[in-house]
Amino acid sequence: MSNTETFALPDGGIVELRPVTEEDDQFLLALYASTRAEELAQVEWAEGQKEVFLRWQFDLQRQEYTARFPDAAYHVILVDGSRAGRIWVGSDDEQIRLLDIALLPDFQNRCVGTILLRRLMDQASKAAKALRHMVFMLNSNAHRFYERLGFTIIDDLGAYRHMEWRPENRD
């Protein structure tokens, strides 16, 4: 994906992707926390402990992505001008890797994710590469979402499934 992109949603909304800046840090941490809320609700936390844990995990995730894909594109997803999510994409000689995509609950089920994934699928087709993503299995909705788009499981790692879409599987 290029630096900044804008496109229309079926409901008439506007989606914009723009590069992440330092000013996005608190938003990105809150977004990350929203993706872990159900999982972390199962643990009883001392005051402030969950926030420290989330920051630590968030920072580790960023470090891992940067180490594995130093040239990855990190974008904030804006819907009608409001920060709605993030999409982080890396690539190498054999794949386009969706490192992470997350939307705040208020922006889900508006076709934002589908449109972004279809754009990545188009890029994968043009580059003749696989599009890959790791899906956390506690999120069964995400797993079904990727299957509907034509992704298949290429590795089952217990809590995570490594999924892939190939241009020859295009619907």
N, C-alpha and C. Protein backbone atom coordinates (compact mmCIF):
# COMPACT_ATOMS: atom_id res chain seq x y z
N MET A 1 0.85 -1.18 0.00
CA MET A 1 0.00 0.00 0.00
C MET A 1 0.89 1.24 0.00
N SER A 2 0.47 2.25 -0.70
CA SER A 2 1.25 3.48 -0.76
C SER A 2 1.13 4.25 0.55
N ASN A 3 1.79 5.40 0.62
CA ASN A 3 1.80 6.18 1.86
C ASN A 3 0.41 6.58 2.32
N THR A 4 -0.40 7.19 1.46
CA THR A 4 -1.75 7.60 1.83
C THR A 4 -2.70 7.16 0.74
N GLU A 5 -3.80 6.55 1.15
CA GLU A 5 -4.83 6.11 0.21
C GLU A 5 -6.19 6.48 0.77
N THR A 6 -7.11 6.79 -0.10
CA THR A 6 -8.48 7.10 0.29
C THR A 6 -9.42 6.32 -0.63
N PHE A 7 -10.49 5.78 -0.05
CA PHE A 7 -11.48 5.09 -0.87
C PHE A 7 -12.82 5.09 -0.16
N ALA A 8 -13.87 4.81 -0.92
CA ALA A 8 -15.24 4.86 -0.41
C ALA A 8 -15.68 3.50 0.09
N LEU A 9 -16.54 3.54 1.10
CA LEU A 9 -17.18 2.34 1.63
C LEU A 9 -18.57 2.19 1.01
N PRO A 10 -19.10 0.98 0.99
CA PRO A 10 -20.45 0.77 0.43
C PRO A 10 -21.52 1.61 1.13
N ASP A 11 -21.34 1.92 2.43
CA ASP A 11 -22.35 2.71 3.15
C ASP A 11 -22.17 4.21 2.93
N GLY A 12 -21.22 4.58 2.06
CA GLY A 12 -20.99 5.99 1.79
C GLY A 12 -19.87 6.60 2.61
N GLY A 13 -19.32 5.88 3.56
CA GLY A 13 -18.23 6.40 4.36
C GLY A 13 -16.93 6.46 3.57
N ILE A 14 -15.99 7.18 4.11
CA ILE A 14 -14.68 7.33 3.48
C ILE A 14 -13.62 6.71 4.39
N VAL A 15 -12.77 5.88 3.80
CA VAL A 15 -11.64 5.28 4.52
C VAL A 15 -10.36 5.91 3.99
N GLU A 16 -9.49 6.26 4.91
CA GLU A 16 -8.17 6.77 4.54
C GLU A 16 -7.13 5.98 5.31
N LEU A 17 -6.04 5.65 4.63
CA LEU A 17 -4.89 5.05 5.27
C LEU A 17 -3.80 6.10 5.26
N ARG A 18 -3.21 6.34 6.43
CA ARG A 18 -2.08 7.25 6.49
C ARG A 18 -1.01 6.65 7.37
N PRO A 19 0.25 6.99 7.11
CA PRO A 19 1.33 6.43 7.91
C PRO A 19 1.18 6.76 9.39
N VAL A 20 1.59 5.82 10.24
CA VAL A 20 1.59 6.00 11.68
C VAL A 20 2.60 7.09 12.05
N THR A 21 2.24 7.93 13.01
CA THR A 21 3.14 8.95 13.55
C THR A 21 3.25 8.75 15.06
N GLU A 22 4.19 9.44 15.67
CA GLU A 22 4.35 9.36 17.13
C GLU A 22 3.08 9.78 17.86
N GLU A 23 2.32 10.70 17.27
CA GLU A 23 1.08 11.17 17.89
C GLU A 23 0.01 10.08 17.97
N ASP A 24 0.21 8.99 17.26
CA ASP A 24 -0.75 7.88 17.25
C ASP A 24 -0.50 6.87 18.36
N ASP A 25 0.58 7.02 19.11
CA ASP A 25 0.99 5.99 20.06
C ASP A 25 -0.09 5.63 21.07
N GLN A 26 -0.73 6.60 21.69
CA GLN A 26 -1.76 6.30 22.69
C GLN A 26 -2.97 5.63 22.04
N PHE A 27 -3.34 6.10 20.85
CA PHE A 27 -4.44 5.47 20.13
C PHE A 27 -4.11 4.02 19.82
N LEU A 28 -2.90 3.77 19.32
CA LEU A 28 -2.51 2.41 18.94
C LEU A 28 -2.47 1.49 20.15
N LEU A 29 -2.03 2.00 21.29
CA LEU A 29 -2.03 1.19 22.51
C LEU A 29 -3.46 0.88 22.94
N ALA A 30 -4.35 1.87 22.89
CA ALA A 30 -5.76 1.64 23.25
C ALA A 30 -6.41 0.65 22.29
N LEU A 31 -6.08 0.75 21.01
CA LEU A 31 -6.60 -0.19 20.01
C LEU A 31 -6.10 -1.60 20.32
N TYR A 32 -4.81 -1.72 20.60
CA TYR A 32 -4.24 -3.03 20.96
C TYR A 32 -4.96 -3.59 22.19
N ALA A 33 -5.18 -2.75 23.19
CA ALA A 33 -5.90 -3.19 24.40
C ALA A 33 -7.29 -3.70 24.05
N SER A 34 -7.97 -3.04 23.11
CA SER A 34 -9.32 -3.47 22.72
C SER A 34 -9.30 -4.84 22.07
N THR A 35 -8.19 -5.18 21.39
CA THR A 35 -8.10 -6.49 20.74
C THR A 35 -7.82 -7.60 21.75
N ARG A 36 -7.35 -7.25 22.93
CA ARG A 36 -7.01 -8.24 23.95
C ARG A 36 -8.01 -8.25 25.11
N ALA A 37 -9.04 -7.40 25.06
CA ALA A 37 -9.95 -7.21 26.18
C ALA A 37 -10.60 -8.51 26.65
N GLU A 38 -11.15 -9.28 25.72
CA GLU A 38 -11.83 -10.53 26.09
C GLU A 38 -10.87 -11.50 26.75
N GLU A 39 -9.72 -11.65 26.17
CA GLU A 39 -8.69 -12.55 26.69
C GLU A 39 -8.22 -12.12 28.09
N LEU A 40 -7.96 -10.83 28.27
CA LEU A 40 -7.41 -10.34 29.54
C LEU A 40 -8.46 -10.20 30.63
N ALA A 41 -9.74 -10.23 30.26
CA ALA A 41 -10.81 -10.17 31.25
C ALA A 41 -10.85 -11.44 32.10
N GLN A 42 -10.19 -12.49 31.65
CA GLN A 42 -10.18 -13.75 32.38
C GLN A 42 -9.21 -13.77 33.55
N VAL A 43 -8.42 -12.70 33.67
CA VAL A 43 -7.39 -12.62 34.71
C VAL A 43 -7.74 -11.50 35.68
N GLU A 44 -7.50 -11.74 36.96
CA GLU A 44 -7.69 -10.69 37.96
C GLU A 44 -6.37 -9.92 38.08
N TRP A 45 -6.43 -8.61 37.85
CA TRP A 45 -5.23 -7.78 37.81
C TRP A 45 -5.19 -6.84 39.00
N ALA A 46 -4.00 -6.62 39.56
CA ALA A 46 -3.81 -5.57 40.55
C ALA A 46 -3.90 -4.24 39.83
N GLU A 47 -4.20 -3.18 40.55
CA GLU A 47 -4.35 -1.87 39.93
C GLU A 47 -3.10 -1.49 39.14
N GLY A 48 -3.30 -1.12 37.89
CA GLY A 48 -2.21 -0.69 37.03
C GLY A 48 -1.44 -1.82 36.36
N GLN A 49 -1.60 -3.05 36.84
CA GLN A 49 -0.84 -4.17 36.33
C GLN A 49 -1.21 -4.50 34.87
N LYS A 50 -2.49 -4.46 34.56
CA LYS A 50 -2.92 -4.78 33.21
C LYS A 50 -2.36 -3.77 32.21
N GLU A 51 -2.35 -2.49 32.56
CA GLU A 51 -1.83 -1.45 31.68
C GLU A 51 -0.34 -1.66 31.40
N VAL A 52 0.42 -2.02 32.44
CA VAL A 52 1.85 -2.28 32.28
C VAL A 52 2.05 -3.50 31.36
N PHE A 53 1.26 -4.54 31.59
CA PHE A 53 1.34 -5.74 30.77
C PHE A 53 1.02 -5.43 29.31
N LEU A 54 -0.05 -4.67 29.07
CA LEU A 54 -0.44 -4.34 27.70
C LEU A 54 0.64 -3.53 26.99
N ARG A 55 1.23 -2.55 27.66
CA ARG A 55 2.30 -1.75 27.06
C ARG A 55 3.48 -2.64 26.70
N TRP A 56 3.83 -3.54 27.63
CA TRP A 56 4.96 -4.45 27.40
C TRP A 56 4.69 -5.33 26.17
N GLN A 57 3.50 -5.93 26.10
CA GLN A 57 3.14 -6.79 24.98
C GLN A 57 3.09 -6.00 23.66
N PHE A 58 2.53 -4.81 23.72
CA PHE A 58 2.43 -3.95 22.54
C PHE A 58 3.83 -3.61 22.02
N ASP A 59 4.72 -3.24 22.91
CA ASP A 59 6.10 -2.90 22.51
C ASP A 59 6.83 -4.12 21.95
N LEU A 60 6.63 -5.29 22.56
CA LEU A 60 7.26 -6.52 22.04
C LEU A 60 6.76 -6.85 20.64
N GLN A 61 5.46 -6.67 20.43
CA GLN A 61 4.88 -6.94 19.12
C GLN A 61 5.52 -6.04 18.06
N ARG A 62 5.62 -4.76 18.36
CA ARG A 62 6.23 -3.82 17.42
C ARG A 62 7.68 -4.20 17.12
N GLN A 63 8.42 -4.55 18.16
CA GLN A 63 9.83 -4.93 17.97
C GLN A 63 9.96 -6.17 17.08
N GLU A 64 9.10 -7.15 17.30
CA GLU A 64 9.15 -8.36 16.48
C GLU A 64 8.84 -8.05 15.02
N TYR A 65 7.79 -7.27 14.76
CA TYR A 65 7.43 -6.93 13.39
C TYR A 65 8.57 -6.16 12.71
N THR A 66 9.16 -5.21 13.43
CA THR A 66 10.25 -4.41 12.87
C THR A 66 11.46 -5.27 12.56
N ALA A 67 11.75 -6.23 13.43
CA ALA A 67 12.90 -7.12 13.20
C ALA A 67 12.67 -8.02 12.00
N ARG A 68 11.47 -8.56 11.87
CA ARG A 68 11.18 -9.50 10.78
C ARG A 68 10.94 -8.81 9.44
N PHE A 69 10.34 -7.63 9.48
CA PHE A 69 10.00 -6.90 8.26
C PHE A 69 10.39 -5.43 8.44
N PRO A 70 11.69 -5.13 8.34
CA PRO A 70 12.15 -3.76 8.60
C PRO A 70 11.56 -2.71 7.68
N ASP A 71 11.10 -3.09 6.51
CA ASP A 71 10.52 -2.14 5.56
C ASP A 71 9.00 -2.17 5.53
N ALA A 72 8.39 -2.71 6.57
CA ALA A 72 6.93 -2.83 6.61
C ALA A 72 6.27 -1.45 6.58
N ALA A 73 5.03 -1.43 6.09
CA ALA A 73 4.22 -0.21 6.06
C ALA A 73 3.25 -0.26 7.25
N TYR A 74 3.27 0.79 8.06
CA TYR A 74 2.42 0.90 9.24
C TYR A 74 1.45 2.06 9.02
N HIS A 75 0.16 1.72 8.89
CA HIS A 75 -0.85 2.74 8.62
C HIS A 75 -1.94 2.77 9.69
N VAL A 76 -2.42 3.97 9.95
CA VAL A 76 -3.63 4.16 10.74
C VAL A 76 -4.79 4.17 9.76
N ILE A 77 -5.86 3.49 10.14
CA ILE A 77 -7.08 3.46 9.32
C ILE A 77 -8.00 4.54 9.87
N LEU A 78 -8.39 5.47 9.02
CA LEU A 78 -9.34 6.52 9.40
C LEU A 78 -10.65 6.24 8.68
N VAL A 79 -11.76 6.35 9.38
CA VAL A 79 -13.08 6.23 8.77
C VAL A 79 -13.80 7.55 9.02
N ASP A 80 -14.16 8.20 7.94
CA ASP A 80 -14.80 9.52 8.02
C ASP A 80 -14.00 10.48 8.91
N GLY A 81 -12.68 10.39 8.82
CA GLY A 81 -11.80 11.30 9.54
C GLY A 81 -11.45 10.88 10.96
N SER A 82 -12.08 9.85 11.47
CA SER A 82 -11.81 9.38 12.84
C SER A 82 -10.88 8.17 12.80
N ARG A 83 -9.92 8.14 13.74
CA ARG A 83 -9.04 6.98 13.82
C ARG A 83 -9.87 5.75 14.19
N ALA A 84 -9.80 4.74 13.34
CA ALA A 84 -10.64 3.56 13.49
C ALA A 84 -9.84 2.28 13.69
N GLY A 85 -8.58 2.27 13.27
CA GLY A 85 -7.82 1.03 13.37
C GLY A 85 -6.41 1.19 12.84
N ARG A 86 -5.80 0.02 12.60
CA ARG A 86 -4.44 -0.01 12.07
C ARG A 86 -4.30 -1.18 11.11
N ILE A 87 -3.37 -1.03 10.18
CA ILE A 87 -3.01 -2.13 9.30
C ILE A 87 -1.51 -2.04 9.09
N TRP A 88 -0.84 -3.16 9.35
CA TRP A 88 0.61 -3.25 9.25
C TRP A 88 0.93 -4.37 8.26
N VAL A 89 1.68 -4.03 7.21
CA VAL A 89 1.93 -4.98 6.12
C VAL A 89 3.42 -5.01 5.80
N GLY A 90 3.96 -6.22 5.76
CA GLY A 90 5.35 -6.43 5.35
C GLY A 90 5.38 -7.30 4.12
N SER A 91 6.56 -7.41 3.53
CA SER A 91 6.69 -8.32 2.39
C SER A 91 8.14 -8.78 2.27
N ASP A 92 8.30 -9.89 1.58
CA ASP A 92 9.62 -10.38 1.23
C ASP A 92 9.51 -11.00 -0.15
N ASP A 93 10.49 -11.78 -0.56
CA ASP A 93 10.50 -12.31 -1.92
C ASP A 93 9.34 -13.24 -2.23
N GLU A 94 8.78 -13.90 -1.23
CA GLU A 94 7.75 -14.90 -1.51
C GLU A 94 6.36 -14.55 -1.01
N GLN A 95 6.23 -13.50 -0.22
CA GLN A 95 4.93 -13.23 0.37
C GLN A 95 4.69 -11.75 0.63
N ILE A 96 3.40 -11.43 0.73
CA ILE A 96 2.94 -10.20 1.37
C ILE A 96 2.40 -10.67 2.70
N ARG A 97 2.86 -10.08 3.77
CA ARG A 97 2.48 -10.54 5.11
C ARG A 97 1.63 -9.48 5.78
N LEU A 98 0.37 -9.82 6.04
CA LEU A 98 -0.48 -8.97 6.85
C LEU A 98 -0.05 -9.20 8.29
N LEU A 99 0.78 -8.29 8.80
CA LEU A 99 1.29 -8.45 10.15
C LEU A 99 0.18 -8.24 11.17
N ASP A 100 -0.63 -7.24 10.92
CA ASP A 100 -1.71 -6.96 11.86
C ASP A 100 -2.75 -6.07 11.20
N ILE A 101 -3.98 -6.34 11.53
CA ILE A 101 -5.08 -5.45 11.18
C ILE A 101 -6.02 -5.47 12.37
N ALA A 102 -6.46 -4.30 12.78
CA ALA A 102 -7.38 -4.21 13.91
C ALA A 102 -8.26 -2.98 13.73
N LEU A 103 -9.52 -3.15 14.06
CA LEU A 103 -10.48 -2.05 14.03
C LEU A 103 -11.16 -1.95 15.38
N LEU A 104 -11.39 -0.73 15.83
CA LEU A 104 -12.19 -0.54 17.03
C LEU A 104 -13.58 -1.11 16.78
N PRO A 105 -14.24 -1.62 17.83
CA PRO A 105 -15.56 -2.24 17.64
C PRO A 105 -16.58 -1.38 16.90
N ASP A 106 -16.58 -0.08 17.12
CA ASP A 106 -17.56 0.79 16.46
C ASP A 106 -17.38 0.85 14.94
N PHE A 107 -16.23 0.42 14.44
CA PHE A 107 -15.95 0.51 13.02
C PHE A 107 -15.94 -0.86 12.34
N GLN A 108 -16.25 -1.90 13.09
CA GLN A 108 -16.29 -3.24 12.51
C GLN A 108 -17.63 -3.45 11.80
N ASN A 109 -17.65 -4.43 10.92
CA ASN A 109 -18.85 -4.80 10.16
C ASN A 109 -19.35 -3.68 9.25
N ARG A 110 -18.40 -2.91 8.72
CA ARG A 110 -18.74 -1.86 7.75
C ARG A 110 -18.00 -2.08 6.43
N CYS A 111 -17.42 -3.25 6.25
CA CYS A 111 -16.68 -3.65 5.04
C CYS A 111 -15.27 -3.07 4.98
N VAL A 112 -14.82 -2.37 6.03
CA VAL A 112 -13.47 -1.79 6.02
C VAL A 112 -12.43 -2.90 5.87
N GLY A 113 -12.50 -3.92 6.71
CA GLY A 113 -11.54 -5.02 6.66
C GLY A 113 -11.59 -5.76 5.33
N THR A 114 -12.78 -6.01 4.84
CA THR A 114 -12.92 -6.73 3.57
C THR A 114 -12.27 -5.95 2.43
N ILE A 115 -12.52 -4.66 2.38
CA ILE A 115 -11.94 -3.84 1.31
C ILE A 115 -10.42 -3.81 1.42
N LEU A 116 -9.89 -3.66 2.64
CA LEU A 116 -8.44 -3.63 2.81
C LEU A 116 -7.81 -4.97 2.43
N LEU A 117 -8.45 -6.06 2.81
CA LEU A 117 -7.91 -7.39 2.45
C LEU A 117 -7.99 -7.62 0.95
N ARG A 118 -9.06 -7.22 0.32
CA ARG A 118 -9.18 -7.39 -1.13
C ARG A 118 -8.11 -6.56 -1.86
N ARG A 119 -7.77 -5.40 -1.34
CA ARG A 119 -6.70 -4.59 -1.93
C ARG A 119 -5.36 -5.32 -1.80
N LEU A 120 -5.12 -5.95 -0.65
CA LEU A 120 -3.90 -6.73 -0.46
C LEU A 120 -3.89 -7.95 -1.38
N MET A 121 -5.05 -8.56 -1.57
CA MET A 121 -5.15 -9.70 -2.48
C MET A 121 -4.81 -9.26 -3.91
N ASP A 122 -5.27 -8.08 -4.30
CA ASP A 122 -4.92 -7.56 -5.63
C ASP A 122 -3.42 -7.36 -5.74
N GLN A 123 -2.80 -6.80 -4.70
CA GLN A 123 -1.35 -6.62 -4.71
C GLN A 123 -0.63 -7.95 -4.81
N ALA A 124 -1.11 -8.94 -4.06
CA ALA A 124 -0.49 -10.27 -4.11
C ALA A 124 -0.62 -10.87 -5.51
N SER A 125 -1.77 -10.69 -6.13
CA SER A 125 -1.96 -11.19 -7.50
C SER A 125 -0.98 -10.55 -8.46
N LYS A 126 -0.86 -9.23 -8.39
CA LYS A 126 0.04 -8.50 -9.30
C LYS A 126 1.49 -8.90 -9.08
N ALA A 127 1.85 -9.19 -7.83
CA ALA A 127 3.24 -9.56 -7.51
C ALA A 127 3.48 -11.07 -7.61
N ALA A 128 2.42 -11.84 -7.87
CA ALA A 128 2.50 -13.31 -7.92
C ALA A 128 3.08 -13.86 -6.62
N LYS A 129 2.56 -13.35 -5.50
CA LYS A 129 3.01 -13.78 -4.17
C LYS A 129 1.81 -14.27 -3.36
N ALA A 130 2.11 -15.06 -2.35
CA ALA A 130 1.08 -15.46 -1.38
C ALA A 130 0.82 -14.28 -0.44
N LEU A 131 -0.40 -14.19 0.06
CA LEU A 131 -0.76 -13.25 1.11
C LEU A 131 -0.97 -14.08 2.37
N ARG A 132 -0.21 -13.79 3.42
CA ARG A 132 -0.24 -14.62 4.64
C ARG A 132 -0.56 -13.78 5.86
N HIS A 133 -1.15 -14.48 6.85
CA HIS A 133 -1.53 -13.82 8.11
C HIS A 133 -1.66 -14.88 9.19
N MET A 134 -1.30 -14.51 10.43
CA MET A 134 -1.50 -15.37 11.60
C MET A 134 -2.81 -14.96 12.27
N VAL A 135 -3.69 -15.93 12.51
CA VAL A 135 -4.99 -15.65 13.11
C VAL A 135 -5.06 -16.29 14.48
N PHE A 136 -5.38 -15.47 15.47
CA PHE A 136 -5.52 -15.93 16.85
C PHE A 136 -6.83 -16.70 16.96
N MET A 137 -6.78 -17.95 17.41
CA MET A 137 -7.94 -18.82 17.36
C MET A 137 -9.02 -18.51 18.40
N LEU A 138 -8.70 -17.74 19.43
CA LEU A 138 -9.77 -17.33 20.34
C LEU A 138 -10.74 -16.40 19.63
N ASN A 139 -10.32 -15.84 18.50
CA ASN A 139 -11.17 -14.96 17.72
C ASN A 139 -11.74 -15.75 16.54
N SER A 140 -12.80 -16.50 16.80
CA SER A 140 -13.38 -17.36 15.76
C SER A 140 -14.00 -16.54 14.63
N ASN A 141 -14.47 -15.32 14.93
CA ASN A 141 -15.01 -14.47 13.87
C ASN A 141 -13.93 -14.13 12.84
N ALA A 142 -12.72 -13.84 13.31
CA ALA A 142 -11.62 -13.52 12.40
C ALA A 142 -11.30 -14.73 11.52
N HIS A 143 -11.25 -15.89 12.12
CA HIS A 143 -10.94 -17.10 11.36
C HIS A 143 -11.96 -17.30 10.24
N ARG A 144 -13.24 -17.16 10.56
CA ARG A 144 -14.30 -17.30 9.54
C ARG A 144 -14.19 -16.21 8.46
N PHE A 145 -13.84 -15.00 8.88
CA PHE A 145 -13.67 -13.89 7.94
C PHE A 145 -12.62 -14.23 6.89
N TYR A 146 -11.46 -14.72 7.33
CA TYR A 146 -10.39 -15.06 6.39
C TYR A 146 -10.78 -16.25 5.51
N GLU A 147 -11.47 -17.22 6.06
CA GLU A 147 -11.93 -18.35 5.25
C GLU A 147 -12.89 -17.90 4.16
N ARG A 148 -13.80 -16.99 4.50
CA ARG A 148 -14.75 -16.46 3.50
C ARG A 148 -14.02 -15.77 2.35
N LEU A 149 -12.87 -15.17 2.65
CA LEU A 149 -12.10 -14.49 1.61
C LEU A 149 -11.22 -15.45 0.81
N GLY A 150 -11.22 -16.73 1.18
CA GLY A 150 -10.46 -17.72 0.42
C GLY A 150 -9.13 -18.10 1.03
N PHE A 151 -8.85 -17.68 2.25
CA PHE A 151 -7.62 -18.08 2.93
C PHE A 151 -7.75 -19.53 3.39
N THR A 152 -6.65 -20.25 3.37
CA THR A 152 -6.61 -21.61 3.87
C THR A 152 -5.55 -21.71 4.96
N ILE A 153 -5.72 -22.68 5.84
CA ILE A 153 -4.76 -22.91 6.92
C ILE A 153 -3.56 -23.64 6.34
N ILE A 154 -2.36 -23.09 6.59
CA ILE A 154 -1.15 -23.77 6.14
C ILE A 154 -0.34 -24.30 7.31
N ASP A 155 -0.68 -23.85 8.52
CA ASP A 155 -0.01 -24.37 9.71
C ASP A 155 -0.88 -24.10 10.92
N ASP A 156 -1.10 -25.11 11.74
CA ASP A 156 -1.87 -24.97 12.97
C ASP A 156 -0.89 -24.96 14.13
N LEU A 157 -0.80 -23.82 14.79
CA LEU A 157 0.15 -23.66 15.88
C LEU A 157 -0.55 -23.62 17.23
N GLY A 158 -1.69 -24.26 17.33
CA GLY A 158 -2.43 -24.28 18.59
C GLY A 158 -3.30 -23.04 18.73
N ALA A 159 -2.78 -22.03 19.43
CA ALA A 159 -3.54 -20.80 19.64
C ALA A 159 -3.63 -19.95 18.37
N TYR A 160 -2.74 -20.21 17.43
CA TYR A 160 -2.70 -19.43 16.19
C TYR A 160 -2.78 -20.37 14.99
N ARG A 161 -3.39 -19.84 13.93
CA ARG A 161 -3.40 -20.54 12.65
C ARG A 161 -2.71 -19.64 11.64
N HIS A 162 -1.76 -20.22 10.95
CA HIS A 162 -1.07 -19.51 9.88
C HIS A 162 -1.92 -19.73 8.63
N MET A 163 -2.46 -18.64 8.09
CA MET A 163 -3.37 -18.74 6.94
C MET A 163 -2.75 -18.07 5.73
N GLU A 164 -3.19 -18.54 4.56
CA GLU A 164 -2.61 -18.05 3.32
C GLU A 164 -3.69 -17.93 2.26
N TRP A 165 -3.53 -16.91 1.42
CA TRP A 165 -4.33 -16.76 0.22
C TRP A 165 -3.36 -16.68 -0.94
N ARG A 166 -3.65 -17.41 -1.99
CA ARG A 166 -2.78 -17.40 -3.18
C ARG A 166 -3.58 -16.88 -4.38
N PRO A 167 -2.88 -16.17 -5.28
CA PRO A 167 -3.59 -15.62 -6.45
C PRO A 167 -4.34 -16.68 -7.25
N GLU A 168 -3.81 -17.89 -7.32
CA GLU A 168 -4.52 -18.93 -8.08
C GLU A 168 -5.81 -19.37 -7.42
N ASN A 169 -6.02 -18.97 -6.15
CA ASN A 169 -7.27 -19.29 -5.43
C ASN A 169 -8.31 -18.18 -5.60
N ARG A 170 -8.00 -17.19 -6.39
CA ARG A 170 -8.87 -16.02 -6.55
C ARG A 170 -10.29 -16.46 -6.93
N ASP A 171 -11.24 -15.83 -6.23
CA ASP A 171 -12.65 -16.16 -6.53
C ASP A 171 -13.18 -15.34 -7.66
